Protein backbone atom coordinates (compact mmCIF):
# COMPACT_ATOMS: atom_id res chain seq x y z
CA MET A 1 30.85 99.22 -15.47
CA SER A 2 33.03 101.46 -13.31
CA SER A 3 32.98 105.23 -13.10
CA GLY A 4 36.09 105.19 -15.30
CA SER A 5 36.86 103.21 -18.42
CA GLY A 6 38.08 100.09 -16.64
CA PRO A 7 36.33 97.24 -14.83
CA ARG A 8 34.44 97.37 -11.56
CA VAL A 9 36.33 95.24 -9.04
CA PHE A 10 35.31 93.87 -5.64
CA LEU A 11 37.98 93.12 -3.04
CA SER A 12 37.48 90.81 -0.09
CA ALA A 13 40.51 90.55 2.18
CA SER A 14 41.53 90.25 5.80
CA VAL A 15 44.44 89.14 7.94
CA PRO A 16 43.65 85.99 9.98
CA LEU A 17 43.99 86.19 13.74
CA PRO A 18 45.62 83.47 15.85
CA THR A 19 42.71 83.66 18.29
CA ARG A 20 40.21 82.70 15.58
CA ASN A 21 40.10 79.62 13.36
CA PRO A 22 43.65 78.15 13.47
CA THR A 23 43.20 76.60 10.02
CA TYR A 24 43.42 80.02 8.39
CA PHE A 25 46.25 81.29 10.56
CA ALA A 26 48.35 78.18 9.86
CA THR A 27 48.72 78.97 6.15
CA VAL A 28 48.53 82.76 6.04
CA ASP A 29 51.33 84.87 4.55
CA VAL A 30 50.81 88.32 6.05
CA LEU A 31 53.47 89.98 3.91
CA ALA A 32 51.91 88.48 0.80
CA ILE A 33 48.51 89.89 1.80
CA ARG A 34 50.05 93.33 2.23
CA ASP A 35 51.86 93.19 -1.09
CA ALA A 36 48.85 91.84 -2.98
CA VAL A 37 46.53 94.53 -1.62
CA ARG A 38 49.03 97.27 -2.43
CA ALA A 39 49.54 95.93 -5.94
CA LEU A 40 45.80 95.75 -6.52
CA ALA A 41 45.45 99.43 -5.59
CA ILE A 42 48.09 100.27 -8.21
CA ALA A 43 46.50 98.14 -10.93
CA VAL A 44 43.06 99.62 -10.27
CA ALA A 45 44.37 103.17 -10.65
CA GLU A 46 46.31 102.28 -13.81
CA GLN A 47 43.31 100.68 -15.48
CA GLU A 48 40.89 103.51 -14.63
CA ALA A 49 38.96 100.85 -12.73
CA GLU A 50 36.80 101.12 -9.63
CA LEU A 51 37.59 99.13 -6.48
CA VAL A 52 34.82 98.44 -3.97
CA PHE A 53 35.76 97.01 -0.59
CA GLY A 54 34.43 96.69 2.93
CA GLY A 55 36.29 98.57 5.63
CA HIS A 56 38.67 96.41 7.65
CA PRO A 57 41.14 97.60 10.31
CA ALA A 58 44.05 95.80 8.63
CA ILE A 59 43.15 96.29 4.95
CA THR A 60 41.88 99.88 4.81
CA PRO A 61 45.24 101.35 5.97
CA MET A 62 47.12 99.31 3.35
CA ILE A 63 45.02 100.74 0.55
CA ARG A 64 45.09 104.26 1.97
CA LEU A 65 48.88 104.25 2.31
CA GLN A 66 49.50 103.00 -1.20
CA VAL A 67 47.02 105.39 -2.79
CA THR A 68 48.45 108.34 -0.88
CA GLN A 69 52.02 107.55 -1.86
CA THR A 70 51.24 107.06 -5.54
CA GLY A 71 49.07 110.16 -5.83
CA ALA A 72 46.16 108.33 -7.45
CA ARG A 73 42.84 110.17 -7.36
CA VAL A 74 40.99 108.40 -4.57
CA GLY A 75 37.51 109.52 -5.52
CA ASP A 76 37.87 108.23 -9.07
CA HIS A 77 38.81 104.69 -8.18
CA PHE A 78 37.99 103.60 -4.62
CA VAL A 79 34.67 103.05 -2.83
CA LEU A 80 34.76 102.11 0.85
CA PHE A 81 31.73 100.44 2.42
CA GLN A 82 31.39 100.42 6.19
CA SER A 83 28.68 99.16 8.53
CA ARG A 84 27.57 101.57 11.24
CA PHE A 85 27.67 98.57 13.58
CA PHE A 86 31.43 99.14 13.82
CA THR A 87 31.31 102.92 14.21
CA SER A 88 33.30 102.86 17.45
CA THR A 89 36.19 101.06 15.75
CA PHE A 90 36.32 102.85 12.38
CA PRO A 91 39.99 103.32 11.43
CA ARG A 92 41.16 106.91 11.05
CA ASP A 93 42.15 105.98 7.51
CA ASN A 94 38.47 106.15 6.52
CA ALA A 95 38.79 109.93 6.38
CA SER A 96 41.18 109.59 3.43
CA PHE A 97 38.47 108.15 1.19
CA GLU A 98 36.13 110.51 -0.62
CA ARG A 99 33.50 107.89 -1.34
CA VAL A 100 32.42 106.15 1.87
CA GLU A 101 29.11 104.30 1.87
CA LEU A 102 27.77 103.92 5.41
CA VAL A 103 25.28 101.09 5.82
CA ASP A 104 22.87 101.12 8.76
CA ALA A 105 23.42 98.45 11.38
CA VAL A 106 20.94 95.87 12.57
CA PRO A 107 20.79 96.76 16.28
CA ASN A 108 22.73 94.37 18.52
CA ASP A 109 23.29 91.86 15.72
CA ARG A 110 26.77 91.67 14.22
CA ASN A 111 26.04 88.90 11.73
CA ALA A 112 22.87 90.54 10.42
CA SER A 113 24.72 93.84 10.11
CA LEU A 114 27.45 92.16 8.06
CA LEU A 115 24.85 90.56 5.80
CA ARG A 116 23.20 93.94 5.25
CA LEU A 117 26.60 95.44 4.44
CA ARG A 118 27.36 92.74 1.89
CA GLU A 119 23.96 93.09 0.25
CA ALA A 120 24.63 96.81 -0.15
CA MET A 121 28.10 96.20 -1.61
CA PHE A 122 26.82 93.64 -4.10
CA ALA A 123 23.77 95.64 -5.22
CA LYS A 124 25.48 96.94 -8.37
CA PRO A 125 27.18 94.94 -11.15
CA PHE A 126 30.80 93.80 -10.93
CA ASP A 127 33.25 92.53 -13.51
CA ILE A 128 35.82 90.97 -11.18
CA GLY A 129 36.08 89.70 -7.61
CA ILE A 130 39.49 89.34 -5.95
CA PHE A 131 39.92 87.47 -2.67
CA ILE A 132 43.07 87.79 -0.57
CA GLY A 133 44.00 85.95 2.62
CA GLY A 134 41.07 86.05 4.99
CA MET A 135 38.95 83.94 7.25
CA GLU A 136 35.29 82.86 7.28
CA GLY A 137 34.16 86.28 6.08
CA VAL A 138 36.17 86.02 2.87
CA GLU A 139 34.68 82.60 2.15
CA ASP A 140 31.18 83.92 2.86
CA GLU A 141 31.71 86.89 0.54
CA TYR A 142 33.10 84.61 -2.18
CA GLU A 143 29.95 82.47 -2.16
CA MET A 144 27.63 85.48 -2.00
CA PHE A 145 29.53 87.24 -4.78
CA LEU A 146 29.19 84.19 -7.04
CA GLN A 147 25.46 84.05 -6.37
CA ARG A 148 24.89 87.75 -7.05
CA HIS A 149 27.30 88.06 -9.99
CA PRO A 150 27.57 84.70 -11.77
CA ALA A 151 29.08 86.27 -14.90
CA ALA A 152 31.90 88.02 -13.04
CA ARG A 153 35.42 86.59 -12.93
CA VAL A 154 36.62 85.49 -9.50
CA PHE A 155 40.25 85.24 -8.42
CA PRO A 156 41.21 83.88 -4.98
CA VAL A 157 44.91 84.69 -4.63
CA ALA A 158 46.10 81.36 -3.26
CA SER A 159 49.67 82.49 -2.59
CA THR A 160 48.39 84.72 0.24
CA GLY A 161 47.23 81.62 2.09
CA ALA A 162 44.31 81.31 4.50
CA ALA A 163 40.78 81.43 3.04
CA ALA A 164 41.96 82.42 -0.44
CA ALA A 165 44.13 79.30 -0.64
CA GLU A 166 41.26 77.09 0.48
CA LEU A 167 38.93 78.57 -2.12
CA PHE A 168 41.52 78.03 -4.85
CA ASP A 169 42.24 74.45 -3.76
CA ARG A 170 38.54 73.56 -4.00
CA ASP A 171 38.23 74.63 -7.64
CA PRO A 172 39.99 72.44 -10.22
CA ASP A 173 39.01 74.82 -13.03
CA LEU A 174 40.77 77.73 -11.34
CA GLN A 175 43.83 75.57 -10.70
CA ARG A 176 44.00 74.62 -14.36
CA GLU A 177 43.17 78.01 -15.89
CA HIS A 178 44.89 80.35 -13.43
CA PRO A 179 47.93 78.69 -11.84
CA GLU A 180 49.40 82.18 -11.45
CA LEU A 181 47.05 82.69 -8.49
CA ARG A 182 49.21 80.19 -6.65
CA ASP A 183 52.58 80.61 -8.37
CA GLU A 184 53.03 84.30 -9.23
CA ILE A 185 54.52 86.24 -6.33
CA SER A 186 55.23 89.42 -8.26
CA TYR A 187 51.90 90.84 -7.22
CA LEU A 188 51.98 93.88 -9.43
CA THR A 189 52.45 91.60 -12.44
CA LEU A 190 49.64 89.39 -11.18
CA MET A 191 47.16 92.19 -10.54
CA ARG A 192 47.87 93.91 -13.83
CA GLY A 193 47.14 90.64 -15.57
CA LEU A 194 43.91 90.06 -13.65
CA ILE A 195 42.54 93.59 -14.04
CA GLY A 196 43.59 93.96 -17.67
CA PRO A 197 46.51 95.05 -19.83
CA SER A 198 47.81 98.57 -19.40
CA LEU A 199 49.31 100.65 -22.20
CA SER A 200 52.16 101.55 -19.87
CA PRO A 201 52.79 101.42 -16.12
CA THR A 202 51.60 104.68 -14.58
CA TYR A 203 52.36 104.11 -10.92
CA THR A 204 54.98 102.24 -8.95
CA LEU A 205 54.78 100.42 -5.67
CA SER A 206 56.06 102.31 -2.67
CA GLY A 207 58.23 100.57 -0.14
CA PRO A 208 60.03 97.28 -0.83
CA SER A 209 59.72 96.04 -4.38
CA ILE A 210 57.44 93.06 -4.81
């Protein structure tokens, strides 16, 4: 379903803030979020997949840095959605993405603007949804993704903590069928397995090995 030969993948991820819901912050593993996002970027490029994600000030730079350092062709694999509601806080990293979908804001209404953004992101088919860390927004996107794409596979990466761990803990089927979402901390191994088998590794993770 992607522009390449691999699957079309949706990513929902964020880094919980201590000033928000303390439940999420209490279990979050920020380094695990970073490593999981970086590994996903690698796996997507290897599998000729397409990754769709909503712009986030913590997540967008992680993807941009990994893609830049590996030399993957950004336009072939990554689609960044951004609501115009947040125009004043767009990260500079947005400029590194060739395919940026700007969604009009609902004036003076953050929640309605986010809903419009999500509806735009979910308008086309997906094969896989991956959920990393996060807060209320990740849980909201998980539920909306399931409603819009009931045939897609969903993978909350529990080892990153926060919302992803809560989603995993609520689903006995996921716990039974995919214990690696909780137990596997070699994130490149995990993401390659979730996205699909590769003939041979094409890219490597920059920075510390994970």
